[in-house]
Amino acid sequence: MGKKKNKMKNVEENETYEFENYESDSTVPFPEKLDQDDLSLMDDDDLHALGRSLNDSIGQVGQYSLNPYLWEVEMCYVQREMHMRSVRRAAHTAWVSNNPSLESN
């Protein structure tokens, strides 16, 4: 079997898919490429909003049988950051509960 070519390799930032002959919202912006540092500085609400937006875009792109790869990659980074925060929060809660002298402060 041959390798599949990635049709999206020469995509410029801030481009959009334009869907012709569709009555609904006819463009989906390409995802903004965010650095891991940018994601780590976002507050939880912004991070979750970005995740929802990417998920909606993946659905729209998939609806028209287009390649959602770029959105899926960015979604993976967002989900990874949300998971790391969840684990860090749980570890902090466990640590505080194991150090009762800190709870009263």
C-alpha atoms as a PDB file:
ATOM      1  CA  MET A   1       0.000   0.000   0.000  1.00  0.00           C
ATOM      2  CA  GLY A   2       1.145   3.504  -0.739  1.00  0.00           C
ATOM      3  CA  LYS A   3       1.315   6.354   1.726  1.00  0.00           C
ATOM      4  CA  LYS A   4      -1.492   8.869   1.822  1.00  0.00           C
ATOM      5  CA  LYS A   5      -0.426  12.360   0.885  1.00  0.00           C
ATOM      6  CA  ASN A   6      -1.364  15.115   3.280  1.00  0.00           C
ATOM      7  CA  LYS A   7      -3.264  17.586   1.144  1.00  0.00           C
ATOM      8  CA  MET A   8      -2.962  20.223   3.869  1.00  0.00           C
ATOM      9  CA  LYS A   9       0.837  20.501   4.056  1.00  0.00           C
ATOM     10  CA  ASN A  10       1.035  23.852   2.260  1.00  0.00           C
ATOM     11  CA  VAL A  11      -1.697  25.598   4.218  1.00  0.00           C
ATOM     12  CA  GLU A  12      -1.081  29.204   5.186  1.00  0.00           C
ATOM     13  CA  GLU A  13      -2.203  30.473   8.579  1.00  0.00           C
ATOM     14  CA  ASN A  14      -5.464  32.419   8.774  1.00  0.00           C
ATOM     15  CA  GLU A  15      -6.867  30.739   5.670  1.00  0.00           C
ATOM     16  CA  THR A  16     -10.370  29.315   5.672  1.00  0.00           C
ATOM     17  CA  TYR A  17     -12.109  26.433   4.012  1.00  0.00           C
ATOM     18  CA  GLU A  18     -14.859  27.812   1.828  1.00  0.00           C
ATOM     19  CA  PHE A  19     -17.775  25.514   1.174  1.00  0.00           C
ATOM     20  CA  GLU A  20     -19.551  26.275  -2.065  1.00  0.00           C
ATOM     21  CA  ASN A  21     -23.201  25.409  -2.646  1.00  0.00           C
ATOM     22  CA  TYR A  22     -24.034  25.188   1.067  1.00  0.00           C
ATOM     23  CA  GLU A  23     -26.651  27.446   2.612  1.00  0.00           C
ATOM     24  CA  SER A  24     -25.338  27.437   6.199  1.00  0.00           C
ATOM     25  CA  ASP A  25     -22.189  29.101   7.525  1.00  0.00           C
ATOM     26  CA  SER A  26     -19.864  28.537   4.610  1.00  0.00           C
ATOM     27  CA  THR A  27     -16.387  29.034   6.097  1.00  0.00           C
ATOM     28  CA  VAL A  28     -14.350  27.407   8.825  1.00  0.00           C
ATOM     29  CA  PRO A  29     -11.160  29.216   9.871  1.00  0.00           C
ATOM     30  CA  PHE A  30      -8.014  27.154  10.032  1.00  0.00           C
ATOM     31  CA  PRO A  31      -6.980  26.646  13.651  1.00  0.00           C
ATOM     32  CA  GLU A  32      -4.525  29.056  15.176  1.00  0.00           C
ATOM     33  CA  LYS A  33      -1.306  27.234  15.972  1.00  0.00           C
ATOM     34  CA  LEU A  34      -0.731  27.727  19.668  1.00  0.00           C
ATOM     35  CA  ASP A  35       2.512  27.108  21.448  1.00  0.00           C
ATOM     36  CA  GLN A  36       2.550  24.934  24.584  1.00  0.00           C
ATOM     37  CA  ASP A  37       3.590  28.019  26.544  1.00  0.00           C
ATOM     38  CA  ASP A  38       0.559  29.942  25.259  1.00  0.00           C
ATOM     39  CA  LEU A  39      -1.753  27.129  26.353  1.00  0.00           C
ATOM     40  CA  SER A  40      -0.166  26.936  29.791  1.00  0.00           C
ATOM     41  CA  LEU A  41      -0.823  30.651  30.338  1.00  0.00           C
ATOM     42  CA  MET A  42      -4.528  30.484  29.372  1.00  0.00           C
ATOM     43  CA  ASP A  43      -7.062  30.416  32.155  1.00  0.00           C
ATOM     44  CA  ASP A  44      -9.342  27.381  32.407  1.00  0.00           C
ATOM     45  CA  ASP A  45     -12.379  29.103  30.875  1.00  0.00           C
ATOM     46  CA  ASP A  46     -10.437  30.227  27.794  1.00  0.00           C
ATOM     47  CA  LEU A  47      -8.889  26.788  27.406  1.00  0.00           C
ATOM     48  CA  HIS A  48     -12.279  25.068  27.563  1.00  0.00           C
ATOM     49  CA  ALA A  49     -13.748  27.609  25.121  1.00  0.00           C
ATOM     50  CA  LEU A  50     -10.897  26.905  22.702  1.00  0.00           C
ATOM     51  CA  GLY A  51     -11.552  23.183  23.025  1.00  0.00           C
ATOM     52  CA  ARG A  52     -15.256  23.653  22.294  1.00  0.00           C
ATOM     53  CA  SER A  53     -14.473  25.858  19.303  1.00  0.00           C
ATOM     54  CA  LEU A  54     -12.029  23.317  17.878  1.00  0.00           C
ATOM     55  CA  ASN A  55     -14.530  20.522  18.440  1.00  0.00           C
ATOM     56  CA  ASP A  56     -17.224  22.490  16.575  1.00  0.00           C
ATOM     57  CA  SER A  57     -14.807  23.180  13.710  1.00  0.00           C
ATOM     58  CA  ILE A  58     -13.843  19.501  13.508  1.00  0.00           C
ATOM     59  CA  GLY A  59     -17.535  18.668  13.210  1.00  0.00           C
ATOM     60  CA  GLN A  60     -18.101  21.246  10.478  1.00  0.00           C
ATOM     61  CA  VAL A  61     -15.084  20.162   8.470  1.00  0.00           C
ATOM     62  CA  GLY A  62     -16.001  16.491   8.850  1.00  0.00           C
ATOM     63  CA  GLN A  63     -19.555  17.230   7.779  1.00  0.00           C
ATOM     64  CA  TYR A  64     -18.209  18.215   4.355  1.00  0.00           C
ATOM     65  CA  SER A  65     -15.872  15.200   4.121  1.00  0.00           C
ATOM     66  CA  LEU A  66     -12.739  17.325   4.394  1.00  0.00           C
ATOM     67  CA  ASN A  67      -9.573  16.467   6.275  1.00  0.00           C
ATOM     68  CA  PRO A  68      -9.875  17.602   9.935  1.00  0.00           C
ATOM     69  CA  TYR A  69      -6.218  16.816  10.699  1.00  0.00           C
ATOM     70  CA  LEU A  70      -5.093  20.384  11.527  1.00  0.00           C
ATOM     71  CA  TRP A  71      -7.961  20.891  13.978  1.00  0.00           C
ATOM     72  CA  GLU A  72      -7.416  17.469  15.552  1.00  0.00           C
ATOM     73  CA  VAL A  73      -3.735  18.216  16.196  1.00  0.00           C
ATOM     74  CA  GLU A  74      -4.568  21.486  17.956  1.00  0.00           C
ATOM     75  CA  MET A  75      -7.347  19.724  19.892  1.00  0.00           C
ATOM     76  CA  CYS A  76      -4.811  17.154  21.131  1.00  0.00           C
ATOM     77  CA  TYR A  77      -2.637  19.937  22.525  1.00  0.00           C
ATOM     78  CA  VAL A  78      -5.632  21.530  24.256  1.00  0.00           C
ATOM     79  CA  GLN A  79      -6.777  18.191  25.709  1.00  0.00           C
ATOM     80  CA  ARG A  80      -3.242  17.453  26.912  1.00  0.00           C
ATOM     81  CA  GLU A  81      -3.088  20.789  28.732  1.00  0.00           C
ATOM     82  CA  MET A  82      -6.515  20.201  30.318  1.00  0.00           C
ATOM     83  CA  HIS A  83      -5.417  16.719  31.438  1.00  0.00           C
ATOM     84  CA  MET A  84      -2.149  18.027  32.911  1.00  0.00           C
ATOM     85  CA  ARG A  85      -4.068  20.652  34.888  1.00  0.00           C
ATOM     86  CA  SER A  86      -6.530  18.047  36.156  1.00  0.00           C
ATOM     87  CA  VAL A  87      -3.716  15.759  37.327  1.00  0.00           C
ATOM     88  CA  ARG A  88      -1.861  18.678  38.923  1.00  0.00           C
ATOM     89  CA  ARG A  89      -5.050  19.800  40.718  1.00  0.00           C
ATOM     90  CA  ALA A  90      -5.685  16.271  42.047  1.00  0.00           C
ATOM     91  CA  ALA A  91      -2.075  15.910  43.203  1.00  0.00           C
ATOM     92  CA  HIS A  92      -2.255  19.254  45.003  1.00  0.00           C
ATOM     93  CA  THR A  93      -5.513  18.301  46.727  1.00  0.00           C
ATOM     94  CA  ALA A  94      -4.008  14.974  47.840  1.00  0.00           C
ATOM     95  CA  TRP A  95      -0.871  16.696  49.106  1.00  0.00           C
ATOM     96  CA  VAL A  96      -2.830  19.280  51.082  1.00  0.00           C
ATOM     97  CA  SER A  97      -5.054  16.582  52.606  1.00  0.00           C
ATOM     98  CA  ASN A  98      -1.929  14.681  53.720  1.00  0.00           C
ATOM     99  CA  ASN A  99      -0.562  17.795  55.422  1.00  0.00           C
ATOM    100  CA  PRO A 100      -3.347  18.845  57.840  1.00  0.00           C
ATOM    101  CA  SER A 101      -1.278  21.691  59.278  1.00  0.00           C
ATOM    102  CA  LEU A 102      -1.576  23.492  55.931  1.00  0.00           C
ATOM    103  CA  GLU A 103      -5.391  23.305  55.770  1.00  0.00           C
ATOM    104  CA  SER A 104      -5.896  25.681  58.689  1.00  0.00           C
ATOM    105  CA  ASN A 105      -3.795  28.446  57.067  1.00  0.00           C
END
